[in-house]
């Protein structure tokens, strides 16, 4: 994904936003019709970490957090996603049978050694924690996961995908960018109107400080769970040291700022487009620039999944984790609303 246009941020009166508004209305109408289609009801709970904007809001980080919590309660959770940036997503249902041992067309279970070019970078991160399936049709992926023993299904994205009925939908909101100018594509960053998406959700998860007043744009009765991102333990070895930070994610500045707030001396920043496919030359340039600055090249786990293997040893990777403002409340809300989990999985009440 290319860098979003500046007027998407907050400039609702931009000439471009006004000019493109009729197209945005058409996109919203098409999305509404698609979402209204009936979906498949899985025999196990289905939890969706979705958002209403294009680009990253923290869905994968939330999915990792929830998957770990479900696994800690003895739930065999499987994760479903489209696999953005990979060949499986691009080919949709044209993936041929046989490569996955007779799985339906368009479905692939992420396996050790799969490249990001096949399944996407998020899928590789999620597969380290739980069985992960990529495919455009979530119902087809869900059937394959259930047949493989899934006791719960967790969707990383998919709020606008109607093929699978959700038991719990969480609207993930980036506190720093909020809902941008509040307009629908291409006039703004929204996939659909905020209220339309919120109406299908049982709670919102606001990640980071609410810099744009996003919470006030949500329905009054929608619970809002607050969380923040915290750098992973890998940052400890970099505190006080000069680094060249590079990232090809939706908002690279979040990674850069997180490093700086963690005590790292960020002497250079190199943003790349979201899901950028790094070439050998790209990484050579990054490493050479870091060397000239006497710095260490540092990137995100998502970016590391897309790096040429030959250069991985020359780059440090720092991840993030989700920290809840009210941890117990978030867990209880998840278990209560998704309540189709069997009693043996409920865990102690806080």
C-alpha atoms as a PDB file:
ATOM      1  CA  UNK A   1       0.000   0.000   0.000  1.00  0.00           C
ATOM      2  CA  UNK A   2       1.335   3.429  -0.905  1.00  0.00           C
ATOM      3  CA  UNK A   3       1.485   6.227   1.604  1.00  0.00           C
ATOM      4  CA  UNK A   4      -2.047   7.631   2.089  1.00  0.00           C
ATOM      5  CA  UNK A   5      -2.745  11.145   0.790  1.00  0.00           C
ATOM      6  CA  UNK A   6      -2.353  13.935   3.320  1.00  0.00           C
ATOM      7  CA  UNK A   7      -5.976  15.070   3.034  1.00  0.00           C
ATOM      8  CA  UNK A   8      -7.132  11.716   4.448  1.00  0.00           C
ATOM      9  CA  UNK A   9      -5.847  12.676   7.849  1.00  0.00           C
ATOM     10  CA  UNK A  10      -8.167  15.389   9.103  1.00  0.00           C
ATOM     11  CA  UNK A  11      -8.917  17.717   6.195  1.00  0.00           C
ATOM     12  CA  UNK A  12     -12.619  17.008   5.623  1.00  0.00           C
ATOM     13  CA  UNK A  13     -12.979  20.206   3.562  1.00  0.00           C
ATOM     14  CA  UNK A  14     -10.097  19.457   1.206  1.00  0.00           C
ATOM     15  CA  UNK A  15     -11.079  20.006  -2.440  1.00  0.00           C
ATOM     16  CA  UNK A  16     -10.020  16.445  -3.164  1.00  0.00           C
ATOM     17  CA  UNK A  17     -12.140  15.067  -0.314  1.00  0.00           C
ATOM     18  CA  UNK A  18     -15.168  17.023  -1.506  1.00  0.00           C
ATOM     19  CA  UNK A  19     -14.607  16.049  -5.141  1.00  0.00           C
ATOM     20  CA  UNK A  20     -14.271  12.353  -4.295  1.00  0.00           C
ATOM     21  CA  UNK A  21     -17.177  12.269  -1.825  1.00  0.00           C
ATOM     22  CA  UNK A  22     -19.692  10.878  -4.376  1.00  0.00           C
ATOM     23  CA  UNK A  23     -17.343   7.977  -5.071  1.00  0.00           C
ATOM     24  CA  UNK A  24     -17.057   7.441  -1.330  1.00  0.00           C
ATOM     25  CA  UNK A  25     -20.854   7.238  -1.080  1.00  0.00           C
ATOM     26  CA  UNK A  26     -20.884   4.629  -3.841  1.00  0.00           C
ATOM     27  CA  UNK A  27     -18.190   2.580  -2.096  1.00  0.00           C
ATOM     28  CA  UNK A  28     -20.163   2.731   1.165  1.00  0.00           C
ATOM     29  CA  UNK A  29     -23.313   1.528  -0.612  1.00  0.00           C
ATOM     30  CA  UNK A  30     -21.520  -1.377  -2.283  1.00  0.00           C
ATOM     31  CA  UNK A  31     -19.889  -2.366   1.013  1.00  0.00           C
ATOM     32  CA  UNK A  32     -23.239  -2.266   2.814  1.00  0.00           C
ATOM     33  CA  UNK A  33     -24.812  -4.566   0.214  1.00  0.00           C
ATOM     34  CA  UNK A  34     -21.919  -6.991   0.440  1.00  0.00           C
ATOM     35  CA  UNK A  35     -21.982  -7.085   4.239  1.00  0.00           C
ATOM     36  CA  UNK A  36     -25.723  -7.815   4.199  1.00  0.00           C
ATOM     37  CA  UNK A  37     -25.163 -11.196   2.538  1.00  0.00           C
ATOM     38  CA  UNK A  38     -25.802 -14.218   4.790  1.00  0.00           C
ATOM     39  CA  UNK A  39     -22.770 -15.988   6.247  1.00  0.00           C
ATOM     40  CA  UNK A  40     -21.936 -19.415   7.619  1.00  0.00           C
ATOM     41  CA  UNK A  41     -22.450 -20.127  11.324  1.00  0.00           C
ATOM     42  CA  UNK A  42     -19.447 -22.060  12.588  1.00  0.00           C
ATOM     43  CA  UNK A  43     -19.939 -24.659  15.344  1.00  0.00           C
ATOM     44  CA  UNK A  44     -17.279 -22.881  17.432  1.00  0.00           C
ATOM     45  CA  UNK A  45     -16.950 -19.275  18.663  1.00  0.00           C
ATOM     46  CA  UNK A  46     -15.766 -16.732  16.096  1.00  0.00           C
ATOM     47  CA  UNK A  47     -13.954 -13.593  17.295  1.00  0.00           C
ATOM     48  CA  UNK A  48     -13.052 -10.796  14.890  1.00  0.00           C
ATOM     49  CA  UNK A  49     -10.376  -8.131  15.350  1.00  0.00           C
ATOM     50  CA  UNK A  50     -11.424  -5.639  12.690  1.00  0.00           C
ATOM     51  CA  UNK A  51     -11.272  -1.973  11.865  1.00  0.00           C
ATOM     52  CA  UNK A  52     -12.983   0.618   9.728  1.00  0.00           C
ATOM     53  CA  UNK A  53      -9.906   2.271   8.190  1.00  0.00           C
ATOM     54  CA  UNK A  54      -7.422   1.066   5.615  1.00  0.00           C
ATOM     55  CA  UNK A  55      -3.952   0.450   6.935  1.00  0.00           C
ATOM     56  CA  UNK A  56      -2.880  -0.795  10.322  1.00  0.00           C
ATOM     57  CA  UNK A  57      -4.798   0.034  13.465  1.00  0.00           C
ATOM     58  CA  UNK A  58      -3.253  -2.687  15.608  1.00  0.00           C
ATOM     59  CA  UNK A  59      -5.425  -5.650  14.571  1.00  0.00           C
ATOM     60  CA  UNK A  60      -2.555  -8.132  14.420  1.00  0.00           C
ATOM     61  CA  UNK A  61      -1.187  -7.034  17.794  1.00  0.00           C
ATOM     62  CA  UNK A  62      -4.646  -7.478  19.320  1.00  0.00           C
ATOM     63  CA  UNK A  63      -5.066 -10.862  17.617  1.00  0.00           C
ATOM     64  CA  UNK A  64      -1.750 -12.035  19.067  1.00  0.00           C
ATOM     65  CA  UNK A  65      -2.818 -10.888  22.534  1.00  0.00           C
ATOM     66  CA  UNK A  66      -6.217 -12.586  22.383  1.00  0.00           C
ATOM     67  CA  UNK A  67      -4.810 -15.780  20.896  1.00  0.00           C
ATOM     68  CA  UNK A  68      -2.333 -16.027  23.781  1.00  0.00           C
ATOM     69  CA  UNK A  69      -5.129 -15.502  26.315  1.00  0.00           C
ATOM     70  CA  UNK A  70      -7.354 -18.129  24.720  1.00  0.00           C
ATOM     71  CA  UNK A  71      -4.493 -20.620  24.550  1.00  0.00           C
ATOM     72  CA  UNK A  72      -3.744 -19.973  28.227  1.00  0.00           C
ATOM     73  CA  UNK A  73      -7.310 -21.097  28.975  1.00  0.00           C
ATOM     74  CA  UNK A  74      -6.854 -24.340  27.099  1.00  0.00           C
ATOM     75  CA  UNK A  75      -8.717 -23.262  23.968  1.00  0.00           C
ATOM     76  CA  UNK A  76      -7.462 -24.656  20.668  1.00  0.00           C
ATOM     77  CA  UNK A  77      -7.702 -21.361  18.798  1.00  0.00           C
ATOM     78  CA  UNK A  78      -7.002 -21.116  15.085  1.00  0.00           C
ATOM     79  CA  UNK A  79      -6.405 -17.795  13.314  1.00  0.00           C
ATOM     80  CA  UNK A  80      -7.884 -16.804   9.962  1.00  0.00           C
ATOM     81  CA  UNK A  81      -6.790 -13.948   7.726  1.00  0.00           C
ATOM     82  CA  UNK A  82      -6.630 -13.009   4.079  1.00  0.00           C
ATOM     83  CA  UNK A  83      -2.829 -12.947   3.995  1.00  0.00           C
ATOM     84  CA  UNK A  84      -2.417  -9.463   2.569  1.00  0.00           C
ATOM     85  CA  UNK A  85       0.675  -9.106   0.433  1.00  0.00           C
ATOM     86  CA  UNK A  86       0.981 -12.843  -0.251  1.00  0.00           C
ATOM     87  CA  UNK A  87       0.282 -14.927  -3.341  1.00  0.00           C
ATOM     88  CA  UNK A  88      -2.556 -16.822  -1.637  1.00  0.00           C
ATOM     89  CA  UNK A  89      -4.519 -13.598  -1.152  1.00  0.00           C
ATOM     90  CA  UNK A  90      -3.780 -12.448  -4.668  1.00  0.00           C
ATOM     91  CA  UNK A  91      -4.855 -15.702  -6.255  1.00  0.00           C
ATOM     92  CA  UNK A  92      -7.978 -16.079  -4.086  1.00  0.00           C
ATOM     93  CA  UNK A  93      -9.727 -19.292  -5.143  1.00  0.00           C
ATOM     94  CA  UNK A  94      -7.330 -20.103  -7.955  1.00  0.00           C
ATOM     95  CA  UNK A  95      -4.865 -21.822  -5.633  1.00  0.00           C
ATOM     96  CA  UNK A  96      -4.746 -25.389  -6.905  1.00  0.00           C
ATOM     97  CA  UNK A  97      -5.544 -28.465  -4.861  1.00  0.00           C
ATOM     98  CA  UNK A  98      -2.744 -30.744  -3.784  1.00  0.00           C
ATOM     99  CA  UNK A  99      -0.159 -28.373  -2.321  1.00  0.00           C
ATOM    100  CA  UNK A 100      -2.016 -28.344   0.985  1.00  0.00           C
ATOM    101  CA  UNK A 101      -2.885 -32.014   1.097  1.00  0.00           C
ATOM    102  CA  UNK A 102      -6.348 -31.781  -0.438  1.00  0.00           C
ATOM    103  CA  UNK A 103      -7.529 -28.563   1.220  1.00  0.00           C
ATOM    104  CA  UNK A 104     -10.248 -26.596  -0.592  1.00  0.00           C
ATOM    105  CA  UNK A 105      -9.122 -24.212  -3.286  1.00  0.00           C
ATOM    106  CA  UNK A 106      -8.082 -20.807  -1.990  1.00  0.00           C
ATOM    107  CA  UNK A 107      -7.129 -22.068   1.502  1.00  0.00           C
ATOM    108  CA  UNK A 108      -3.620 -22.520   2.831  1.00  0.00           C
ATOM    109  CA  UNK A 109      -2.475 -23.495   6.315  1.00  0.00           C
ATOM    110  CA  UNK A 110       0.674 -21.567   7.114  1.00  0.00           C
ATOM    111  CA  UNK A 111       3.604 -23.936   7.434  1.00  0.00           C
ATOM    112  CA  UNK A 112       7.176 -23.533   8.693  1.00  0.00           C
ATOM    113  CA  UNK A 113       9.284 -22.133   5.898  1.00  0.00           C
ATOM    114  CA  UNK A 114       6.438 -20.399   4.073  1.00  0.00           C
ATOM    115  CA  UNK A 115       7.716 -17.101   2.649  1.00  0.00           C
ATOM    116  CA  UNK A 116       5.935 -13.793   3.181  1.00  0.00           C
ATOM    117  CA  UNK A 117       5.512 -13.630  -0.585  1.00  0.00           C
ATOM    118  CA  UNK A 118       3.118 -16.590  -0.311  1.00  0.00           C
ATOM    119  CA  UNK A 119       1.138 -15.925   2.882  1.00  0.00           C
ATOM    120  CA  UNK A 120       1.887 -12.316   3.899  1.00  0.00           C
ATOM    121  CA  UNK A 121       3.909 -10.997   6.826  1.00  0.00           C
ATOM    122  CA  UNK A 122       1.109 -10.972   9.438  1.00  0.00           C
ATOM    123  CA  UNK A 123       0.371 -14.658   8.842  1.00  0.00           C
ATOM    124  CA  UNK A 124       3.976 -15.592   9.618  1.00  0.00           C
ATOM    125  CA  UNK A 125       3.836 -13.746  12.953  1.00  0.00           C
ATOM    126  CA  UNK A 126       0.500 -15.260  13.947  1.00  0.00           C
ATOM    127  CA  UNK A 127       1.525 -18.788  12.957  1.00  0.00           C
ATOM    128  CA  UNK A 128       4.262 -18.709  15.598  1.00  0.00           C
ATOM    129  CA  UNK A 129       1.518 -18.672  18.222  1.00  0.00           C
ATOM    130  CA  UNK A 130      -1.373 -20.707  16.809  1.00  0.00           C
ATOM    131  CA  UNK A 131      -2.436 -22.605  13.676  1.00  0.00           C
ATOM    132  CA  UNK A 132      -3.049 -19.971  11.007  1.00  0.00           C
ATOM    133  CA  UNK A 133      -4.999 -20.143   7.761  1.00  0.00           C
ATOM    134  CA  UNK A 134      -4.975 -17.705   4.851  1.00  0.00           C
ATOM    135  CA  UNK A 135      -7.668 -17.325   2.211  1.00  0.00           C
ATOM    136  CA  UNK A 136     -10.099 -14.738   0.879  1.00  0.00           C
ATOM    137  CA  UNK A 137     -13.242 -16.691   1.830  1.00  0.00           C
ATOM    138  CA  UNK A 138     -13.237 -16.839   5.634  1.00  0.00           C
ATOM    139  CA  UNK A 139     -16.028 -19.463   5.689  1.00  0.00           C
ATOM    140  CA  UNK A 140     -13.972 -21.850   3.574  1.00  0.00           C
ATOM    141  CA  UNK A 141     -10.937 -21.277   5.795  1.00  0.00           C
ATOM    142  CA  UNK A 142     -13.121 -21.704   8.895  1.00  0.00           C
ATOM    143  CA  UNK A 143     -14.443 -25.078   7.748  1.00  0.00           C
ATOM    144  CA  UNK A 144     -10.900 -26.277   7.163  1.00  0.00           C
ATOM    145  CA  UNK A 145      -9.798 -25.034  10.596  1.00  0.00           C
ATOM    146  CA  UNK A 146     -12.748 -26.665  12.383  1.00  0.00           C
ATOM    147  CA  UNK A 147     -12.024 -29.942  10.585  1.00  0.00           C
ATOM    148  CA  UNK A 148      -8.440 -29.637  11.866  1.00  0.00           C
ATOM    149  CA  UNK A 149      -9.630 -29.332  15.484  1.00  0.00           C
ATOM    150  CA  UNK A 150     -10.196 -25.614  16.088  1.00  0.00           C
ATOM    151  CA  UNK A 151     -12.262 -24.882  19.216  1.00  0.00           C
ATOM    152  CA  UNK A 152     -12.369 -21.146  18.490  1.00  0.00           C
ATOM    153  CA  UNK A 153     -11.669 -19.026  15.427  1.00  0.00           C
ATOM    154  CA  UNK A 154      -9.916 -15.677  15.617  1.00  0.00           C
ATOM    155  CA  UNK A 155     -10.026 -13.324  12.626  1.00  0.00           C
ATOM    156  CA  UNK A 156      -7.254 -10.819  12.011  1.00  0.00           C
ATOM    157  CA  UNK A 157      -9.310  -8.374   9.924  1.00  0.00           C
ATOM    158  CA  UNK A 158     -12.550  -9.463   8.277  1.00  0.00           C
ATOM    159  CA  UNK A 159     -15.062  -7.061   9.805  1.00  0.00           C
ATOM    160  CA  UNK A 160     -16.268  -6.224   6.290  1.00  0.00           C
ATOM    161  CA  UNK A 161     -16.222  -9.877   5.179  1.00  0.00           C
ATOM    162  CA  UNK A 162     -19.738 -11.379   5.430  1.00  0.00           C
ATOM    163  CA  UNK A 163     -18.949 -15.028   4.697  1.00  0.00           C
ATOM    164  CA  UNK A 164     -18.523 -15.997   8.371  1.00  0.00           C
ATOM    165  CA  UNK A 165     -20.881 -15.040  11.208  1.00  0.00           C
ATOM    166  CA  UNK A 166     -19.039 -13.515  14.170  1.00  0.00           C
ATOM    167  CA  UNK A 167     -19.875 -14.031  17.839  1.00  0.00           C
ATOM    168  CA  UNK A 168     -17.678 -11.157  18.971  1.00  0.00           C
ATOM    169  CA  UNK A 169     -16.459  -8.292  16.795  1.00  0.00           C
ATOM    170  CA  UNK A 170     -13.965  -5.814  18.204  1.00  0.00           C
ATOM    171  CA  UNK A 171     -13.494  -2.490  16.421  1.00  0.00           C
ATOM    172  CA  UNK A 172      -9.787  -1.670  16.632  1.00  0.00           C
ATOM    173  CA  UNK A 173      -9.004   2.064  16.611  1.00  0.00           C
ATOM    174  CA  UNK A 174      -5.559   3.644  16.401  1.00  0.00           C
ATOM    175  CA  UNK A 175      -5.630   6.489  18.908  1.00  0.00           C
ATOM    176  CA  UNK A 176      -3.067   8.462  16.951  1.00  0.00           C
ATOM    177  CA  UNK A 177      -4.871   8.525  13.597  1.00  0.00           C
ATOM    178  CA  UNK A 178      -8.468   7.809  14.627  1.00  0.00           C
ATOM    179  CA  UNK A 179     -10.839   7.861  11.667  1.00  0.00           C
ATOM    180  CA  UNK A 180      -8.915  10.444   9.637  1.00  0.00           C
ATOM    181  CA  UNK A 181     -11.174  12.927   7.886  1.00  0.00           C
ATOM    182  CA  UNK A 182     -14.201  10.695   8.458  1.00  0.00           C
ATOM    183  CA  UNK A 183     -14.847  10.066   4.766  1.00  0.00           C
ATOM    184  CA  UNK A 184     -15.114   6.768   2.889  1.00  0.00           C
ATOM    185  CA  UNK A 185     -12.619   5.674   0.222  1.00  0.00           C
ATOM    186  CA  UNK A 186     -11.345   7.299  -1.922  1.00  0.00           C
ATOM    187  CA  UNK A 187     -12.360  10.562  -0.244  1.00  0.00           C
ATOM    188  CA  UNK A 188     -10.902   9.378   3.061  1.00  0.00           C
ATOM    189  CA  UNK A 189      -9.426   6.321   4.795  1.00  0.00           C
ATOM    190  CA  UNK A 190     -12.697   4.615   5.809  1.00  0.00           C
ATOM    191  CA  UNK A 191     -13.822   1.287   4.377  1.00  0.00           C
ATOM    192  CA  UNK A 192     -17.379   2.138   5.438  1.00  0.00           C
ATOM    193  CA  UNK A 193     -19.006   4.738   7.707  1.00  0.00           C
ATOM    194  CA  UNK A 194     -17.886   4.493  11.333  1.00  0.00           C
ATOM    195  CA  UNK A 195     -21.400   4.067  12.735  1.00  0.00           C
ATOM    196  CA  UNK A 196     -22.176   1.276  10.261  1.00  0.00           C
ATOM    197  CA  UNK A 197     -19.122  -0.694  11.369  1.00  0.00           C
ATOM    198  CA  UNK A 198     -19.654   0.047  15.058  1.00  0.00           C
ATOM    199  CA  UNK A 199     -23.236  -1.242  14.847  1.00  0.00           C
ATOM    200  CA  UNK A 200     -21.872  -4.746  14.139  1.00  0.00           C
ATOM    201  CA  UNK A 201     -19.361  -4.659  17.012  1.00  0.00           C
ATOM    202  CA  UNK A 202     -19.728  -5.504  20.682  1.00  0.00           C
ATOM    203  CA  UNK A 203     -16.809  -3.324  21.799  1.00  0.00           C
ATOM    204  CA  UNK A 204     -14.084  -1.023  20.521  1.00  0.00           C
ATOM    205  CA  UNK A 205     -10.412  -1.342  21.422  1.00  0.00           C
ATOM    206  CA  UNK A 206      -8.709   2.064  21.429  1.00  0.00           C
ATOM    207  CA  UNK A 207      -4.939   1.631  21.190  1.00  0.00           C
ATOM    208  CA  UNK A 208      -2.907   4.576  22.415  1.00  0.00           C
ATOM    209  CA  UNK A 209      -3.933   8.056  23.508  1.00  0.00           C
ATOM    210  CA  UNK A 210      -7.055   9.339  21.751  1.00  0.00           C
ATOM    211  CA  UNK A 211      -5.362  12.195  19.886  1.00  0.00           C
ATOM    212  CA  UNK A 212      -8.223  12.820  17.438  1.00  0.00           C
ATOM    213  CA  UNK A 213     -11.336  12.364  19.579  1.00  0.00           C
ATOM    214  CA  UNK A 214     -12.201   9.039  17.946  1.00  0.00           C
ATOM    215  CA  UNK A 215     -14.046   7.732  21.020  1.00  0.00           C
ATOM    216  CA  UNK A 216     -16.546  10.588  20.768  1.00  0.00           C
ATOM    217  CA  UNK A 217     -17.432   9.444  17.231  1.00  0.00           C
ATOM    218  CA  UNK A 218     -18.501   5.991  18.428  1.00  0.00           C
ATOM    219  CA  UNK A 219     -22.058   5.111  19.517  1.00  0.00           C
ATOM    220  CA  UNK A 220     -22.681   6.103  23.115  1.00  0.00           C
ATOM    221  CA  UNK A 221     -23.534   2.565  24.204  1.00  0.00           C
ATOM    222  CA  UNK A 222     -20.507   0.856  22.705  1.00  0.00           C
ATOM    223  CA  UNK A 223     -17.987  -0.249  25.377  1.00  0.00           C
ATOM    224  CA  UNK A 224     -14.489   1.096  24.741  1.00  0.00           C
ATOM    225  CA  UNK A 225     -11.515  -0.891  26.030  1.00  0.00           C
ATOM    226  CA  UNK A 226      -8.265   1.057  26.314  1.00  0.00           C
ATOM    227  CA  UNK A 227      -4.815  -0.320  25.639  1.00  0.00           C
ATOM    228  CA  UNK A 228      -1.394   0.892  24.610  1.00  0.00           C
ATOM    229  CA  UNK A 229       1.598  -0.509  22.777  1.00  0.00           C
ATOM    230  CA  UNK A 230       4.790  -1.268  24.638  1.00  0.00           C
ATOM    231  CA  UNK A 231       8.109  -2.152  23.033  1.00  0.00           C
ATOM    232  CA  UNK A 232       9.245  -5.725  23.428  1.00  0.00           C
ATOM    233  CA  UNK A 233      12.070  -6.817  25.728  1.00  0.00           C
ATOM    234  CA  UNK A 234      14.484  -6.717  22.779  1.00  0.00           C
ATOM    235  CA  UNK A 235      14.688  -2.961  23.222  1.00  0.00           C
ATOM    236  CA  UNK A 236      16.696  -3.320  26.445  1.00  0.00           C
ATOM    237  CA  UNK A 237      19.960  -3.969  24.590  1.00  0.00           C
ATOM    238  CA  UNK A 238      19.441  -0.862  22.435  1.00  0.00           C
ATOM    239  CA  UNK A 239      18.725   1.731  25.104  1.00  0.00           C
ATOM    240  CA  UNK A 240      21.092   4.672  24.736  1.00  0.00           C
ATOM    241  CA  UNK A 241      22.552   3.313  21.510  1.00  0.00           C
ATOM    242  CA  UNK A 242      22.245   5.008  18.100  1.00  0.00           C
ATOM    243  CA  UNK A 243      19.958   3.188  15.669  1.00  0.00           C
ATOM    244  CA  UNK A 244      18.714   3.632  12.133  1.00  0.00           C
ATOM    245  CA  UNK A 245      15.063   2.587  12.287  1.00  0.00           C
ATOM    246  CA  UNK A 246      13.270   1.433   9.154  1.00  0.00           C
ATOM    247  CA  UNK A 247       9.760   0.068   8.680  1.00  0.00           C
ATOM    248  CA  UNK A 248       7.279  -0.710   5.922  1.00  0.00           C
ATOM    249  CA  UNK A 249       4.061  -0.685   7.937  1.00  0.00           C
ATOM    250  CA  UNK A 250       0.924   1.454   7.776  1.00  0.00           C
ATOM    251  CA  UNK A 251       2.274   4.049  10.199  1.00  0.00           C
ATOM    252  CA  UNK A 252       6.076   3.738  10.446  1.00  0.00           C
ATOM    253  CA  UNK A 253       6.196   6.743  12.770  1.00  0.00           C
ATOM    254  CA  UNK A 254       4.541   4.653  15.504  1.00  0.00           C
ATOM    255  CA  UNK A 255       7.528   2.321  15.465  1.00  0.00           C
ATOM    256  CA  UNK A 256      10.052   5.148  15.303  1.00  0.00           C
ATOM    257  CA  UNK A 257       8.410   7.075  18.138  1.00  0.00           C
ATOM    258  CA  UNK A 258       8.089   3.926  20.248  1.00  0.00           C
ATOM    259  CA  UNK A 259      11.808   3.309  20.017  1.00  0.00           C
ATOM    260  CA  UNK A 260      12.591   6.896  20.988  1.00  0.00           C
ATOM    261  CA  UNK A 261      10.170   6.767  23.924  1.00  0.00           C
ATOM    262  CA  UNK A 262      11.852   3.561  25.044  1.00  0.00           C
ATOM    263  CA  UNK A 263      15.181   5.305  25.406  1.00  0.00           C
ATOM    264  CA  UNK A 264      16.758   4.425  22.060  1.00  0.00           C
ATOM    265  CA  UNK A 265      18.671   7.121  20.178  1.00  0.00           C
ATOM    266  CA  UNK A 266      16.988   7.109  16.754  1.00  0.00           C
ATOM    267  CA  UNK A 267      19.511   8.959  14.580  1.00  0.00           C
ATOM    268  CA  UNK A 268      17.781   8.177  11.264  1.00  0.00           C
ATOM    269  CA  UNK A 269      14.331   7.058  10.140  1.00  0.00           C
ATOM    270  CA  UNK A 270      13.590   5.226   6.889  1.00  0.00           C
ATOM    271  CA  UNK A 271       9.857   4.773   6.169  1.00  0.00           C
ATOM    272  CA  UNK A 272       8.767   2.389   3.417  1.00  0.00           C
ATOM    273  CA  UNK A 273       5.258   1.681   2.039  1.00  0.00           C
ATOM    274  CA  UNK A 274       3.042  -0.747   3.942  1.00  0.00           C
ATOM    275  CA  UNK A 275       3.891  -4.421   3.232  1.00  0.00           C
ATOM    276  CA  UNK A 276       6.848  -3.287   1.142  1.00  0.00           C
ATOM    277  CA  UNK A 277       8.718  -6.117  -0.623  1.00  0.00           C
ATOM    278  CA  UNK A 278      12.340  -5.348   0.234  1.00  0.00           C
ATOM    279  CA  UNK A 279      15.025  -6.016  -2.361  1.00  0.00           C
ATOM    280  CA  UNK A 280      18.619  -6.910  -1.667  1.00  0.00           C
ATOM    281  CA  UNK A 281      19.578  -3.403  -2.761  1.00  0.00           C
ATOM    282  CA  UNK A 282      17.111  -1.789  -0.337  1.00  0.00           C
ATOM    283  CA  UNK A 283      18.602  -3.576   2.639  1.00  0.00           C
ATOM    284  CA  UNK A 284      22.160  -3.015   1.491  1.00  0.00           C
ATOM    285  CA  UNK A 285      21.428   0.721   1.365  1.00  0.00           C
ATOM    286  CA  UNK A 286      19.904   0.634   4.866  1.00  0.00           C
ATOM    287  CA  UNK A 287      22.834  -1.271   6.346  1.00  0.00           C
ATOM    288  CA  UNK A 288      25.401   0.926   4.595  1.00  0.00           C
ATOM    289  CA  UNK A 289      23.643   4.069   5.890  1.00  0.00           C
ATOM    290  CA  UNK A 290      23.581   2.654   9.414  1.00  0.00           C
ATOM    291  CA  UNK A 291      27.293   1.830   9.215  1.00  0.00           C
ATOM    292  CA  UNK A 292      28.163   5.375   8.102  1.00  0.00           C
ATOM    293  CA  UNK A 293      26.213   6.727  11.079  1.00  0.00           C
ATOM    294  CA  UNK A 294      27.786   4.289  13.516  1.00  0.00           C
ATOM    295  CA  UNK A 295      24.296   2.963  14.198  1.00  0.00           C
ATOM    296  CA  UNK A 296      22.445  -0.338  14.340  1.00  0.00           C
ATOM    297  CA  UNK A 297      19.720  -1.056  11.763  1.00  0.00           C
ATOM    298  CA  UNK A 298      16.467  -1.854  13.579  1.00  0.00           C
ATOM    299  CA  UNK A 299      13.070  -2.882  12.222  1.00  0.00           C
ATOM    300  CA  UNK A 300       9.755  -4.544  13.150  1.00  0.00           C
ATOM    301  CA  UNK A 301       8.904  -8.278  13.191  1.00  0.00           C
ATOM    302  CA  UNK A 302       6.558  -7.738  10.230  1.00  0.00           C
ATOM    303  CA  UNK A 303       9.371  -6.184   8.217  1.00  0.00           C
ATOM    304  CA  UNK A 304      11.803  -8.894   9.265  1.00  0.00           C
ATOM    305  CA  UNK A 305       9.474 -11.467   7.687  1.00  0.00           C
ATOM    306  CA  UNK A 306       9.971  -9.699   4.342  1.00  0.00           C
ATOM    307  CA  UNK A 307      13.741  -9.225   4.477  1.00  0.00           C
ATOM    308  CA  UNK A 308      16.137 -11.197   2.270  1.00  0.00           C
ATOM    309  CA  UNK A 309      17.410 -13.973   4.579  1.00  0.00           C
ATOM    310  CA  UNK A 310      21.026 -13.127   3.787  1.00  0.00           C
ATOM    311  CA  UNK A 311      20.711  -9.814   5.649  1.00  0.00           C
ATOM    312  CA  UNK A 312      18.679 -10.849   8.696  1.00  0.00           C
ATOM    313  CA  UNK A 313      21.787 -11.265  10.845  1.00  0.00           C
ATOM    314  CA  UNK A 314      22.706  -7.612  10.239  1.00  0.00           C
ATOM    315  CA  UNK A 315      19.386  -6.209  11.456  1.00  0.00           C
ATOM    316  CA  UNK A 316      17.937  -6.047  14.959  1.00  0.00           C
ATOM    317  CA  UNK A 317      14.218  -6.684  15.429  1.00  0.00           C
ATOM    318  CA  UNK A 318      12.077  -5.023  18.108  1.00  0.00           C
ATOM    319  CA  UNK A 319       8.457  -6.042  18.536  1.00  0.00           C
ATOM    320  CA  UNK A 320       5.548  -4.603  20.492  1.00  0.00           C
ATOM    321  CA  UNK A 321       2.953  -6.002  22.842  1.00  0.00           C
ATOM    322  CA  UNK A 322      -0.436  -4.804  23.972  1.00  0.00           C
ATOM    323  CA  UNK A 323      -0.833  -3.497  27.523  1.00  0.00           C
ATOM    324  CA  UNK A 324      -4.415  -3.107  28.740  1.00  0.00           C
ATOM    325  CA  UNK A 325      -5.473  -0.238  30.974  1.00  0.00           C
ATOM    326  CA  UNK A 326      -7.963  -2.646  32.566  1.00  0.00           C
ATOM    327  CA  UNK A 327      -6.734  -6.147  31.873  1.00  0.00           C
ATOM    328  CA  UNK A 328      -9.392  -8.033  33.829  1.00  0.00           C
ATOM    329  CA  UNK A 329     -12.232  -6.106  32.221  1.00  0.00           C
ATOM    330  CA  UNK A 330     -10.933  -6.851  28.733  1.00  0.00           C
ATOM    331  CA  UNK A 331     -10.683 -10.575  29.443  1.00  0.00           C
ATOM    332  CA  UNK A 332     -14.102 -10.745  31.060  1.00  0.00           C
ATOM    333  CA  UNK A 333     -15.712  -8.882  28.194  1.00  0.00           C
ATOM    334  CA  UNK A 334     -14.143 -11.252  25.690  1.00  0.00           C
ATOM    335  CA  UNK A 335     -15.348 -14.375  27.494  1.00  0.00           C
ATOM    336  CA  UNK A 336     -18.793 -12.994  28.278  1.00  0.00           C
ATOM    337  CA  UNK A 337     -19.692 -11.817  24.784  1.00  0.00           C
ATOM    338  CA  UNK A 338     -18.063 -14.723  22.965  1.00  0.00           C
ATOM    339  CA  UNK A 339     -19.796 -16.954  25.592  1.00  0.00           C
ATOM    340  CA  UNK A 340     -20.147 -19.974  23.353  1.00  0.00           C
ATOM    341  CA  UNK A 341     -16.858 -21.239  24.820  1.00  0.00           C
ATOM    342  CA  UNK A 342     -17.472 -24.285  26.966  1.00  0.00           C
ATOM    343  CA  UNK A 343     -17.353 -23.816  30.782  1.00  0.00           C
ATOM    344  CA  UNK A 344     -14.025 -25.660  31.011  1.00  0.00           C
ATOM    345  CA  UNK A 345     -12.468 -22.808  29.029  1.00  0.00           C
ATOM    346  CA  UNK A 346     -13.925 -19.931  30.997  1.00  0.00           C
ATOM    347  CA  UNK A 347     -11.156 -19.654  33.542  1.00  0.00           C
ATOM    348  CA  UNK A 348     -11.472 -17.965  36.943  1.00  0.00           C
ATOM    349  CA  UNK A 349     -13.602 -14.839  37.123  1.00  0.00           C
ATOM    350  CA  UNK A 350     -11.784 -11.704  38.234  1.00  0.00           C
END
